[in-house]
């Protein structure tokens, strides 16, 4: 199923401030999607809910 443009996208709070490293994410019905904010209609990565949760937990653990 394609990711529709009406999904609410948000920028990562850890994206670079220089405008060259912006990542946006969107919660979708079965997980999450990620895209490059500079290419909003370009490729998107989709993750299942379990994979997204594992990713976020790994990031949180790495910050300890």
PDB file of N, CA and C in Angstrom:
ATOM      1  N   UNK A   1       0.852  -1.175   0.000  1.00  0.00           N
ATOM      2  CA  UNK A   1       0.000   0.000   0.000  1.00  0.00           C
ATOM      3  C   UNK A   1       0.903   1.245   0.000  1.00  0.00           C
ATOM      4  N   UNK A   2       0.693   2.160  -0.915  1.00  0.00           N
ATOM      5  CA  UNK A   2       1.517   3.376  -0.949  1.00  0.00           C
ATOM      6  C   UNK A   2       1.256   4.264   0.264  1.00  0.00           C
ATOM      7  N   UNK A   3       2.251   5.026   0.641  1.00  0.00           N
ATOM      8  CA  UNK A   3       2.109   5.977   1.734  1.00  0.00           C
ATOM      9  C   UNK A   3       1.508   7.256   1.161  1.00  0.00           C
ATOM     10  N   UNK A   4       0.346   7.631   1.650  1.00  0.00           N
ATOM     11  CA  UNK A   4      -0.338   8.799   1.114  1.00  0.00           C
ATOM     12  C   UNK A   4       0.265  10.083   1.684  1.00  0.00           C
ATOM     13  N   UNK A   5       0.165  11.144   0.912  1.00  0.00           N
ATOM     14  CA  UNK A   5       0.783  12.409   1.294  1.00  0.00           C
ATOM     15  C   UNK A   5       0.093  13.081   2.476  1.00  0.00           C
ATOM     16  N   UNK A   6      -1.138  12.665   2.829  1.00  0.00           N
ATOM     17  CA  UNK A   6      -1.820  13.333   3.929  1.00  0.00           C
ATOM     18  C   UNK A   6      -1.364  12.837   5.302  1.00  0.00           C
ATOM     19  N   UNK A   7      -0.433  11.900   5.341  1.00  0.00           N
ATOM     20  CA  UNK A   7       0.115  11.477   6.626  1.00  0.00           C
ATOM     21  C   UNK A   7       0.827  12.652   7.281  1.00  0.00           C
ATOM     22  N   UNK A   8       0.762  12.700   8.589  1.00  0.00           N
ATOM     23  CA  UNK A   8       1.427  13.759   9.350  1.00  0.00           C
ATOM     24  C   UNK A   8       2.905  13.425   9.491  1.00  0.00           C
ATOM     25  N   UNK A   9       3.751  14.195   8.839  1.00  0.00           N
ATOM     26  CA  UNK A   9       5.196  14.000   8.898  1.00  0.00           C
ATOM     27  C   UNK A   9       5.786  14.941   9.930  1.00  0.00           C
ATOM     28  N   UNK A  10       6.809  14.488  10.636  1.00  0.00           N
ATOM     29  CA  UNK A  10       7.508  15.338  11.589  1.00  0.00           C
ATOM     30  C   UNK A  10       9.006  15.105  11.465  1.00  0.00           C
ATOM     31  N   UNK A  11       9.776  16.149  11.740  1.00  0.00           N
ATOM     32  CA  UNK A  11      11.232  16.052  11.667  1.00  0.00           C
ATOM     33  C   UNK A  11      11.787  15.493  12.964  1.00  0.00           C
ATOM     34  N   UNK A  12      12.812  14.703  12.827  1.00  0.00           N
ATOM     35  CA  UNK A  12      13.511  14.186  13.995  1.00  0.00           C
ATOM     36  C   UNK A  12      14.108  15.342  14.780  1.00  0.00           C
ATOM     37  N   UNK A  13      14.006  15.266  16.085  1.00  0.00           N
ATOM     38  CA  UNK A  13      14.622  16.301  16.920  1.00  0.00           C
ATOM     39  C   UNK A  13      16.140  16.208  16.893  1.00  0.00           C
ATOM     40  N   UNK A  14      16.675  15.129  16.326  1.00  0.00           N
ATOM     41  CA  UNK A  14      18.125  14.934  16.241  1.00  0.00           C
ATOM     42  C   UNK A  14      18.665  15.195  14.837  1.00  0.00           C
ATOM     43  N   UNK A  15      17.837  15.699  13.945  1.00  0.00           N
ATOM     44  CA  UNK A  15      18.318  16.047  12.605  1.00  0.00           C
ATOM     45  C   UNK A  15      19.266  17.228  12.691  1.00  0.00           C
ATOM     46  N   UNK A  16      20.215  17.271  11.792  1.00  0.00           N
ATOM     47  CA  UNK A  16      21.191  18.364  11.792  1.00  0.00           C
ATOM     48  C   UNK A  16      20.530  19.706  11.560  1.00  0.00           C
ATOM     49  N   UNK A  17      21.061  20.739  12.168  1.00  0.00           N
ATOM     50  CA  UNK A  17      20.495  22.074  12.032  1.00  0.00           C
ATOM     51  C   UNK A  17      20.938  22.791  10.771  1.00  0.00           C
ATOM     52  N   UNK A  18      21.859  22.188  10.028  1.00  0.00           N
ATOM     53  CA  UNK A  18      22.387  22.851   8.835  1.00  0.00           C
ATOM     54  C   UNK A  18      21.482  22.684   7.621  1.00  0.00           C
ATOM     55  N   UNK A  19      20.409  21.899   7.755  1.00  0.00           N
ATOM     56  CA  UNK A  19      19.510  21.686   6.631  1.00  0.00           C
ATOM     57  C   UNK A  19      19.967  20.603   5.677  1.00  0.00           C
ATOM     58  N   UNK A  20      21.049  19.914   6.022  1.00  0.00           N
ATOM     59  CA  UNK A  20      21.560  18.869   5.139  1.00  0.00           C
ATOM     60  C   UNK A  20      21.294  17.469   5.659  1.00  0.00           C
ATOM     61  N   UNK A  21      20.813  17.340   6.880  1.00  0.00           N
ATOM     62  CA  UNK A  21      20.636  16.021   7.471  1.00  0.00           C
ATOM     63  C   UNK A  21      19.243  15.852   8.065  1.00  0.00           C
ATOM     64  N   UNK A  22      18.215  16.235   7.360  1.00  0.00           N
ATOM     65  CA  UNK A  22      16.862  16.197   7.898  1.00  0.00           C
ATOM     66  C   UNK A  22      16.170  14.878   7.575  1.00  0.00           C
ATOM     67  N   UNK A  23      15.642  14.272   8.613  1.00  0.00           N
ATOM     68  CA  UNK A  23      14.868  13.042   8.484  1.00  0.00           C
ATOM     69  C   UNK A  23      13.476  13.343   9.007  1.00  0.00           C
ATOM     70  N   UNK A  24      12.463  12.860   8.300  1.00  0.00           N
ATOM     71  CA  UNK A  24      11.082  12.997   8.753  1.00  0.00           C
ATOM     72  C   UNK A  24      10.486  11.616   8.928  1.00  0.00           C
ATOM     73  N   UNK A  25       9.591  11.500   9.879  1.00  0.00           N
ATOM     74  CA  UNK A  25       8.904  10.240  10.126  1.00  0.00           C
ATOM     75  C   UNK A  25       7.408  10.487  10.163  1.00  0.00           C
ATOM     76  N   UNK A  26       6.669   9.428   9.920  1.00  0.00           N
ATOM     77  CA  UNK A  26       5.217   9.480   9.966  1.00  0.00           C
ATOM     78  C   UNK A  26       4.716   8.162  10.532  1.00  0.00           C
ATOM     79  N   UNK A  27       3.783   8.238  11.474  1.00  0.00           N
ATOM     80  CA  UNK A  27       3.169   7.017  11.974  1.00  0.00           C
ATOM     81  C   UNK A  27       2.070   6.619  11.000  1.00  0.00           C
ATOM     82  N   UNK A  28       2.104   5.375  10.569  1.00  0.00           N
ATOM     83  CA  UNK A  28       1.102   4.854   9.636  1.00  0.00           C
ATOM     84  C   UNK A  28       0.333   3.732  10.325  1.00  0.00           C
ATOM     85  N   UNK A  29      -0.700   3.247   9.695  1.00  0.00           N
ATOM     86  CA  UNK A  29      -1.607   2.306  10.358  1.00  0.00           C
ATOM     87  C   UNK A  29      -0.928   1.042  10.862  1.00  0.00           C
ATOM     88  N   UNK A  30       0.165   0.614  10.262  1.00  0.00           N
ATOM     89  CA  UNK A  30       0.815  -0.625  10.685  1.00  0.00           C
ATOM     90  C   UNK A  30       2.268  -0.430  11.090  1.00  0.00           C
ATOM     91  N   UNK A  31       2.662   0.806  11.412  1.00  0.00           N
ATOM     92  CA  UNK A  31       4.039   1.051  11.816  1.00  0.00           C
ATOM     93  C   UNK A  31       4.448   2.491  11.620  1.00  0.00           C
ATOM     94  N   UNK A  32       5.566   2.678  10.926  1.00  0.00           N
ATOM     95  CA  UNK A  32       6.099   4.020  10.700  1.00  0.00           C
ATOM     96  C   UNK A  32       6.785   4.079   9.342  1.00  0.00           C
ATOM     97  N   UNK A  33       6.907   5.295   8.837  1.00  0.00           N
ATOM     98  CA  UNK A  33       7.612   5.529   7.578  1.00  0.00           C
ATOM     99  C   UNK A  33       8.629   6.638   7.820  1.00  0.00           C
ATOM    100  N   UNK A  34       9.727   6.597   7.068  1.00  0.00           N
ATOM    101  CA  UNK A  34      10.797   7.585   7.198  1.00  0.00           C
ATOM    102  C   UNK A  34      11.144   8.078   5.804  1.00  0.00           C
ATOM    103  N   UNK A  35      11.441   9.381   5.691  1.00  0.00           N
ATOM    104  CA  UNK A  35      11.844   9.953   4.402  1.00  0.00           C
ATOM    105  C   UNK A  35      12.868  11.048   4.626  1.00  0.00           C
ATOM    106  N   UNK A  36      13.534  11.432   3.562  1.00  0.00           N
ATOM    107  CA  UNK A  36      14.452  12.564   3.554  1.00  0.00           C
ATOM    108  C   UNK A  36      13.603  13.810   3.333  1.00  0.00           C
ATOM    109  N   UNK A  37      13.668  14.763   4.248  1.00  0.00           N
ATOM    110  CA  UNK A  37      12.797  15.940   4.138  1.00  0.00           C
ATOM    111  C   UNK A  37      13.119  16.798   2.921  1.00  0.00           C
ATOM    112  N   UNK A  38      14.330  16.689   2.403  1.00  0.00           N
ATOM    113  CA  UNK A  38      14.701  17.485   1.227  1.00  0.00           C
ATOM    114  C   UNK A  38      14.105  16.900  -0.055  1.00  0.00           C
ATOM    115  N   UNK A  39      13.657  15.647   0.005  1.00  0.00           N
ATOM    116  CA  UNK A  39      13.080  14.966  -1.155  1.00  0.00           C
ATOM    117  C   UNK A  39      11.764  14.343  -0.697  1.00  0.00           C
ATOM    118  N   UNK A  40      10.800  15.197  -0.373  1.00  0.00           N
ATOM    119  CA  UNK A  40       9.561  14.723   0.248  1.00  0.00           C
ATOM    120  C   UNK A  40       8.761  13.750  -0.616  1.00  0.00           C
ATOM    121  N   UNK A  41       8.929  13.803  -1.934  1.00  0.00           N
ATOM    122  CA  UNK A  41       8.206  12.867  -2.796  1.00  0.00           C
ATOM    123  C   UNK A  41       9.115  11.741  -3.276  1.00  0.00           C
ATOM    124  N   UNK A  42      10.299  11.647  -2.685  1.00  0.00           N
ATOM    125  CA  UNK A  42      11.257  10.607  -3.039  1.00  0.00           C
ATOM    126  C   UNK A  42      10.965   9.308  -2.301  1.00  0.00           C
ATOM    127  N   UNK A  43      11.943   8.418  -2.269  1.00  0.00           N
ATOM    128  CA  UNK A  43      11.749   7.116  -1.619  1.00  0.00           C
ATOM    129  C   UNK A  43      11.467   7.253  -0.129  1.00  0.00           C
ATOM    130  N   UNK A  44      10.722   6.290   0.384  1.00  0.00           N
ATOM    131  CA  UNK A  44      10.386   6.235   1.804  1.00  0.00           C
ATOM    132  C   UNK A  44      10.640   4.827   2.298  1.00  0.00           C
ATOM    133  N   UNK A  45      11.105   4.739   3.512  1.00  0.00           N
ATOM    134  CA  UNK A  45      11.290   3.443   4.147  1.00  0.00           C
ATOM    135  C   UNK A  45      10.115   3.195   5.070  1.00  0.00           C
ATOM    136  N   UNK A  46       9.580   1.977   5.032  1.00  0.00           N
ATOM    137  CA  UNK A  46       8.459   1.615   5.901  1.00  0.00           C
ATOM    138  C   UNK A  46       8.921   0.570   6.891  1.00  0.00           C
ATOM    139  N   UNK A  47       8.461   0.698   8.126  1.00  0.00           N
ATOM    140  CA  UNK A  47       8.820  -0.235   9.185  1.00  0.00           C
ATOM    141  C   UNK A  47       7.560  -0.718   9.885  1.00  0.00           C
ATOM    142  N   UNK A  48       7.541  -2.002  10.232  1.00  0.00           N
ATOM    143  CA  UNK A  48       6.417  -2.528  11.012  1.00  0.00           C
ATOM    144  C   UNK A  48       6.448  -1.890  12.399  1.00  0.00           C
ATOM    145  N   UNK A  49       5.358  -2.006  13.120  1.00  0.00           N
ATOM    146  CA  UNK A  49       5.307  -1.457  14.474  1.00  0.00           C
ATOM    147  C   UNK A  49       6.395  -2.062  15.354  1.00  0.00           C
ATOM    148  N   UNK A  50       6.599  -3.370  15.254  1.00  0.00           N
ATOM    149  CA  UNK A  50       7.620  -4.040  16.064  1.00  0.00           C
ATOM    150  C   UNK A  50       9.019  -3.557  15.706  1.00  0.00           C
ATOM    151  N   UNK A  51       9.308  -3.414  14.421  1.00  0.00           N
ATOM    152  CA  UNK A  51      10.629  -2.951  13.994  1.00  0.00           C
ATOM    153  C   UNK A  51      10.871  -1.517  14.438  1.00  0.00           C
ATOM    154  N   UNK A  52       9.856  -0.656  14.338  1.00  0.00           N
ATOM    155  CA  UNK A  52      10.008   0.741  14.755  1.00  0.00           C
ATOM    156  C   UNK A  52      10.246   0.825  16.268  1.00  0.00           C
ATOM    157  N   UNK A  53       9.509   0.048  17.030  1.00  0.00           N
ATOM    158  CA  UNK A  53       9.692   0.025  18.482  1.00  0.00           C
ATOM    159  C   UNK A  53      11.099  -0.439  18.839  1.00  0.00           C
ATOM    160  N   UNK A  54      11.572  -1.497  18.196  1.00  0.00           N
ATOM    161  CA  UNK A  54      12.937  -1.980  18.433  1.00  0.00           C
ATOM    162  C   UNK A  54      13.966  -0.905  18.105  1.00  0.00           C
ATOM    163  N   UNK A  55      13.757  -0.185  17.016  1.00  0.00           N
ATOM    164  CA  UNK A  55      14.663   0.887  16.596  1.00  0.00           C
ATOM    165  C   UNK A  55      14.716   1.996  17.641  1.00  0.00           C
ATOM    166  N   UNK A  56      13.555   2.457  18.081  1.00  0.00           N
ATOM    167  CA  UNK A  56      13.493   3.536  19.065  1.00  0.00           C
ATOM    168  C   UNK A  56      14.124   3.090  20.385  1.00  0.00           C
ATOM    169  N   UNK A  57      13.843   1.875  20.825  1.00  0.00           N
ATOM    170  CA  UNK A  57      14.430   1.373  22.068  1.00  0.00           C
ATOM    171  C   UNK A  57      15.944   1.272  21.963  1.00  0.00           C
ATOM    172  N   UNK A  58      16.447   0.844  20.803  1.00  0.00           N
ATOM    173  CA  UNK A  58      17.899   0.763  20.602  1.00  0.00           C
ATOM    174  C   UNK A  58      18.534   2.150  20.655  1.00  0.00           C
ATOM    175  N   UNK A  59      17.871   3.141  20.070  1.00  0.00           N
ATOM    176  CA  UNK A  59      18.387   4.511  20.135  1.00  0.00           C
ATOM    177  C   UNK A  59      18.414   5.031  21.568  1.00  0.00           C
ATOM    178  N   UNK A  60      17.342   4.756  22.304  1.00  0.00           N
ATOM    179  CA  UNK A  60      17.283   5.206  23.694  1.00  0.00           C
ATOM    180  C   UNK A  60      18.377   4.537  24.521  1.00  0.00           C
ATOM    181  N   UNK A  61      18.599   3.268  24.290  1.00  0.00           N
ATOM    182  CA  UNK A  61      19.632   2.526  25.015  1.00  0.00           C
ATOM    183  C   UNK A  61      21.020   3.062  24.683  1.00  0.00           C
ATOM    184  N   UNK A  62      21.241   3.440  23.442  1.00  0.00           N
ATOM    185  CA  UNK A  62      22.537   3.953  23.008  1.00  0.00           C
ATOM    186  C   UNK A  62      22.858   5.300  23.647  1.00  0.00           C
ATOM    187  N   UNK A  63      21.843   6.036  24.037  1.00  0.00           N
ATOM    188  CA  UNK A  63      22.034   7.353  24.657  1.00  0.00           C
ATOM    189  C   UNK A  63      22.442   7.251  26.120  1.00  0.00           C
ATOM    190  N   UNK A  64      22.312   6.081  26.731  1.00  0.00           N
ATOM    191  CA  UNK A  64      22.631   5.927  28.165  1.00  0.00           C
ATOM    192  C   UNK A  64      24.093   6.057  28.439  1.00  0.00           C
TER     193      UNK A  64
END
